[in-house]
Amino acid sequence: MIVEGFNNKVAVMATVNFSVPDCVRDEFNRVFKGENKSAIIAGLMQRAVAEVRLRKQREAIFRQVTAERPKRPTASDAEIAAARRQGRP
């Protein structure tokens, strides 16, 4: 149940209202018939928030790595080829 009541803390509940196409609503109701739809929606919302946070974190890391790229040493094609051959029979 929504991560054990948010780890056994009393959760303040809010009511939200979203408009979705009828076909989406009907399919959702069919697939989740007899289940706690509020808990399912809350879980999906939590997952969406986590995915956005992760995407932003990855983007920040990418920007940091990209910014550091000019500081890295470079090698010519010949040096790279030589390094690949080094130690090979």
N, C-alpha and C. Protein backbone atom coordinates (compact mmCIF):
# COMPACT_ATOMS: atom_id res chain seq x y z
N MET A 1 0.85 -1.18 0.00
CA MET A 1 0.00 0.00 0.00
C MET A 1 0.88 1.23 0.00
N ILE A 2 0.89 1.97 -1.01
CA ILE A 2 1.70 3.17 -1.23
C ILE A 2 2.88 3.25 -0.27
N VAL A 3 3.84 2.38 -0.53
CA VAL A 3 5.07 2.27 0.24
C VAL A 3 4.78 2.27 1.74
N GLU A 4 3.95 1.33 2.13
CA GLU A 4 3.60 1.13 3.54
C GLU A 4 3.23 2.45 4.21
N GLY A 5 2.30 3.17 3.60
CA GLY A 5 1.85 4.44 4.18
C GLY A 5 2.99 5.41 4.33
N PHE A 6 3.80 5.48 3.25
CA PHE A 6 4.99 6.32 3.26
C PHE A 6 5.84 6.01 4.49
N ASN A 7 6.21 4.74 4.56
CA ASN A 7 7.05 4.22 5.64
C ASN A 7 6.41 4.43 7.01
N ASN A 8 5.14 4.07 7.10
CA ASN A 8 4.37 4.07 8.35
C ASN A 8 4.13 5.46 8.95
N LYS A 9 4.32 6.50 8.17
CA LYS A 9 3.97 7.84 8.62
C LYS A 9 2.56 8.11 8.12
N VAL A 10 1.85 8.92 8.84
CA VAL A 10 0.49 9.26 8.42
C VAL A 10 0.61 10.17 7.20
N ALA A 11 0.02 9.74 6.10
CA ALA A 11 0.09 10.51 4.87
C ALA A 11 -1.11 11.44 4.77
N VAL A 12 -0.85 12.69 4.48
CA VAL A 12 -1.91 13.63 4.22
C VAL A 12 -2.37 13.38 2.80
N MET A 13 -3.65 13.17 2.62
CA MET A 13 -4.16 12.82 1.31
C MET A 13 -4.74 14.05 0.62
N ALA A 14 -4.48 14.15 -0.67
CA ALA A 14 -5.03 15.22 -1.49
C ALA A 14 -5.89 14.60 -2.58
N THR A 15 -6.80 15.38 -3.07
CA THR A 15 -7.61 14.95 -4.19
C THR A 15 -7.12 15.68 -5.43
N VAL A 16 -6.89 14.93 -6.50
CA VAL A 16 -6.45 15.54 -7.75
C VAL A 16 -7.46 15.19 -8.83
N ASN A 17 -7.51 16.02 -9.83
CA ASN A 17 -8.45 15.81 -10.92
C ASN A 17 -7.70 15.96 -12.23
N PHE A 18 -7.67 14.89 -13.04
CA PHE A 18 -7.00 14.90 -14.33
C PHE A 18 -8.01 14.55 -15.41
N SER A 19 -7.86 15.17 -16.54
CA SER A 19 -8.68 14.80 -17.69
C SER A 19 -7.87 13.86 -18.57
N VAL A 20 -8.47 12.74 -18.89
CA VAL A 20 -7.83 11.76 -19.77
C VAL A 20 -8.86 11.33 -20.80
N PRO A 21 -8.39 10.86 -21.95
CA PRO A 21 -9.35 10.37 -22.94
C PRO A 21 -10.18 9.23 -22.37
N ASP A 22 -11.41 9.15 -22.80
CA ASP A 22 -12.32 8.10 -22.32
C ASP A 22 -11.74 6.71 -22.52
N CYS A 23 -11.08 6.49 -23.66
CA CYS A 23 -10.53 5.15 -23.92
C CYS A 23 -9.44 4.78 -22.91
N VAL A 24 -8.65 5.77 -22.48
CA VAL A 24 -7.62 5.51 -21.46
C VAL A 24 -8.28 5.18 -20.14
N ARG A 25 -9.26 5.97 -19.74
CA ARG A 25 -9.99 5.72 -18.49
C ARG A 25 -10.64 4.34 -18.50
N ASP A 26 -11.29 4.02 -19.61
CA ASP A 26 -11.99 2.74 -19.69
C ASP A 26 -11.02 1.56 -19.61
N GLU A 27 -9.89 1.66 -20.29
CA GLU A 27 -8.88 0.58 -20.26
C GLU A 27 -8.27 0.47 -18.87
N PHE A 28 -7.98 1.60 -18.24
CA PHE A 28 -7.43 1.60 -16.88
C PHE A 28 -8.41 0.92 -15.93
N ASN A 29 -9.67 1.29 -16.01
CA ASN A 29 -10.69 0.69 -15.14
C ASN A 29 -10.83 -0.80 -15.40
N ARG A 30 -10.73 -1.21 -16.66
CA ARG A 30 -10.84 -2.63 -16.99
C ARG A 30 -9.65 -3.41 -16.45
N VAL A 31 -8.45 -2.89 -16.67
CA VAL A 31 -7.23 -3.60 -16.26
C VAL A 31 -7.12 -3.67 -14.74
N PHE A 32 -7.50 -2.61 -14.06
CA PHE A 32 -7.33 -2.55 -12.61
C PHE A 32 -8.64 -2.72 -11.85
N LYS A 33 -9.57 -3.41 -12.44
CA LYS A 33 -10.86 -3.65 -11.80
C LYS A 33 -10.65 -4.36 -10.46
N GLY A 34 -11.30 -3.86 -9.43
CA GLY A 34 -11.22 -4.47 -8.11
C GLY A 34 -9.97 -4.11 -7.33
N GLU A 35 -9.12 -3.24 -7.89
CA GLU A 35 -7.90 -2.83 -7.17
C GLU A 35 -8.05 -1.40 -6.67
N ASN A 36 -7.18 -1.02 -5.78
CA ASN A 36 -7.18 0.34 -5.24
C ASN A 36 -6.56 1.26 -6.28
N LYS A 37 -7.41 1.88 -7.07
CA LYS A 37 -6.93 2.72 -8.18
C LYS A 37 -6.19 3.96 -7.68
N SER A 38 -6.61 4.47 -6.54
CA SER A 38 -5.91 5.63 -5.97
C SER A 38 -4.47 5.28 -5.65
N ALA A 39 -4.26 4.10 -5.08
CA ALA A 39 -2.89 3.66 -4.76
C ALA A 39 -2.08 3.45 -6.04
N ILE A 40 -2.72 2.93 -7.08
CA ILE A 40 -2.03 2.71 -8.34
C ILE A 40 -1.61 4.04 -8.95
N ILE A 41 -2.52 4.99 -8.99
CA ILE A 41 -2.21 6.32 -9.53
C ILE A 41 -1.11 6.99 -8.71
N ALA A 42 -1.20 6.90 -7.37
CA ALA A 42 -0.17 7.50 -6.52
C ALA A 42 1.18 6.87 -6.80
N GLY A 43 1.23 5.56 -6.98
CA GLY A 43 2.48 4.88 -7.30
C GLY A 43 3.04 5.32 -8.65
N LEU A 44 2.15 5.48 -9.63
CA LEU A 44 2.60 5.95 -10.94
C LEU A 44 3.13 7.37 -10.86
N MET A 45 2.49 8.19 -10.04
CA MET A 45 2.96 9.57 -9.87
C MET A 45 4.33 9.59 -9.20
N GLN A 46 4.51 8.73 -8.19
CA GLN A 46 5.82 8.65 -7.53
C GLN A 46 6.89 8.20 -8.51
N ARG A 47 6.56 7.21 -9.34
CA ARG A 47 7.51 6.72 -10.33
C ARG A 47 7.87 7.82 -11.34
N ALA A 48 6.87 8.59 -11.76
CA ALA A 48 7.11 9.68 -12.71
C ALA A 48 8.05 10.73 -12.11
N VAL A 49 7.83 11.07 -10.85
CA VAL A 49 8.70 12.04 -10.16
C VAL A 49 10.12 11.50 -10.08
N ALA A 50 10.26 10.23 -9.71
CA ALA A 50 11.59 9.62 -9.61
C ALA A 50 12.29 9.59 -10.95
N GLU A 51 11.54 9.30 -12.02
CA GLU A 51 12.14 9.26 -13.36
C GLU A 51 12.62 10.63 -13.80
N VAL A 52 11.86 11.67 -13.51
CA VAL A 52 12.27 13.03 -13.87
C VAL A 52 13.52 13.43 -13.08
N ARG A 53 13.53 13.12 -11.79
CA ARG A 53 14.72 13.43 -10.98
C ARG A 53 15.95 12.71 -11.52
N LEU A 54 15.80 11.44 -11.86
CA LEU A 54 16.92 10.67 -12.40
C LEU A 54 17.39 11.24 -13.73
N ARG A 55 16.45 11.62 -14.60
CA ARG A 55 16.81 12.20 -15.89
C ARG A 55 17.58 13.50 -15.70
N LYS A 56 17.13 14.35 -14.78
CA LYS A 56 17.82 15.61 -14.51
C LYS A 56 19.21 15.35 -13.95
N GLN A 57 19.34 14.36 -13.07
CA GLN A 57 20.64 14.01 -12.51
C GLN A 57 21.58 13.54 -13.62
N ARG A 58 21.07 12.69 -14.51
CA ARG A 58 21.89 12.20 -15.62
C ARG A 58 22.31 13.34 -16.54
N GLU A 59 21.39 14.26 -16.81
CA GLU A 59 21.72 15.41 -17.66
C GLU A 59 22.80 16.27 -17.02
N ALA A 60 22.72 16.48 -15.71
CA ALA A 60 23.73 17.26 -15.01
C ALA A 60 25.09 16.58 -15.07
N ILE A 61 25.11 15.27 -14.89
CA ILE A 61 26.36 14.52 -14.97
C ILE A 61 26.93 14.60 -16.38
N PHE A 62 26.07 14.47 -17.40
CA PHE A 62 26.51 14.56 -18.78
C PHE A 62 27.13 15.93 -19.06
N ARG A 63 26.46 17.00 -18.58
CA ARG A 63 27.00 18.35 -18.78
C ARG A 63 28.37 18.49 -18.10
N GLN A 64 28.51 17.91 -16.91
CA GLN A 64 29.78 17.99 -16.18
C GLN A 64 30.88 17.25 -16.94
N VAL A 65 30.58 16.05 -17.40
CA VAL A 65 31.57 15.26 -18.14
C VAL A 65 31.94 15.96 -19.43
N THR A 66 30.94 16.50 -20.11
CA THR A 66 31.19 17.21 -21.37
C THR A 66 32.04 18.44 -21.14
N ALA A 67 31.79 19.16 -20.05
CA ALA A 67 32.58 20.36 -19.75
C ALA A 67 34.03 20.01 -19.46
N GLU A 68 34.27 18.82 -18.91
CA GLU A 68 35.63 18.40 -18.58
C GLU A 68 36.37 17.85 -19.80
N ARG A 69 35.66 17.55 -20.87
CA ARG A 69 36.26 16.91 -22.04
C ARG A 69 37.47 17.67 -22.59
N PRO A 70 37.42 19.00 -22.71
CA PRO A 70 38.60 19.70 -23.26
C PRO A 70 39.86 19.57 -22.40
N LYS A 71 39.70 19.24 -21.13
CA LYS A 71 40.84 19.13 -20.22
C LYS A 71 41.53 17.77 -20.32
N ARG A 72 40.85 16.80 -20.94
CA ARG A 72 41.43 15.45 -21.03
C ARG A 72 42.54 15.43 -22.08
N PRO A 73 43.54 14.57 -21.86
CA PRO A 73 44.60 14.46 -22.86
C PRO A 73 44.04 13.84 -24.15
N THR A 74 44.62 14.22 -25.25
CA THR A 74 44.19 13.68 -26.54
C THR A 74 45.32 12.81 -27.11
N ALA A 75 44.93 11.96 -28.01
CA ALA A 75 45.91 11.09 -28.67
C ALA A 75 45.59 11.07 -30.16
N SER A 76 46.64 10.94 -30.95
CA SER A 76 46.44 10.88 -32.39
C SER A 76 45.93 9.49 -32.77
N ASP A 77 45.46 9.36 -34.00
CA ASP A 77 45.02 8.05 -34.48
C ASP A 77 46.17 7.04 -34.43
N ALA A 78 47.37 7.49 -34.76
CA ALA A 78 48.52 6.59 -34.74
C ALA A 78 48.82 6.12 -33.32
N GLU A 79 48.72 7.03 -32.34
CA GLU A 79 48.97 6.66 -30.95
C GLU A 79 47.91 5.68 -30.44
N ILE A 80 46.69 5.88 -30.84
CA ILE A 80 45.61 4.97 -30.44
C ILE A 80 45.83 3.59 -31.04
N ALA A 81 46.20 3.56 -32.33
CA ALA A 81 46.45 2.28 -33.00
C ALA A 81 47.63 1.56 -32.36
N ALA A 82 48.67 2.30 -32.00
CA ALA A 82 49.84 1.69 -31.37
C ALA A 82 49.47 1.13 -29.99
N ALA A 83 48.65 1.85 -29.25
CA ALA A 83 48.23 1.37 -27.94
C ALA A 83 47.41 0.09 -28.05
N ARG A 84 46.61 0.00 -29.10
CA ARG A 84 45.81 -1.21 -29.31
C ARG A 84 46.71 -2.41 -29.65
N ARG A 85 47.78 -2.15 -30.40
CA ARG A 85 48.65 -3.25 -30.79
C ARG A 85 49.60 -3.65 -29.67
N GLN A 86 49.87 -2.76 -28.76
CA GLN A 86 50.84 -3.01 -27.70
C GLN A 86 50.42 -4.20 -26.85
N GLY A 87 51.31 -5.13 -26.70
CA GLY A 87 51.08 -6.30 -25.87
C GLY A 87 50.33 -7.42 -26.57
N ARG A 88 49.97 -7.20 -27.81
CA ARG A 88 49.29 -8.26 -28.57
C ARG A 88 50.34 -9.07 -29.33
N PRO A 89 50.07 -10.35 -29.51
CA PRO A 89 51.02 -11.19 -30.26
C PRO A 89 51.01 -10.84 -31.73
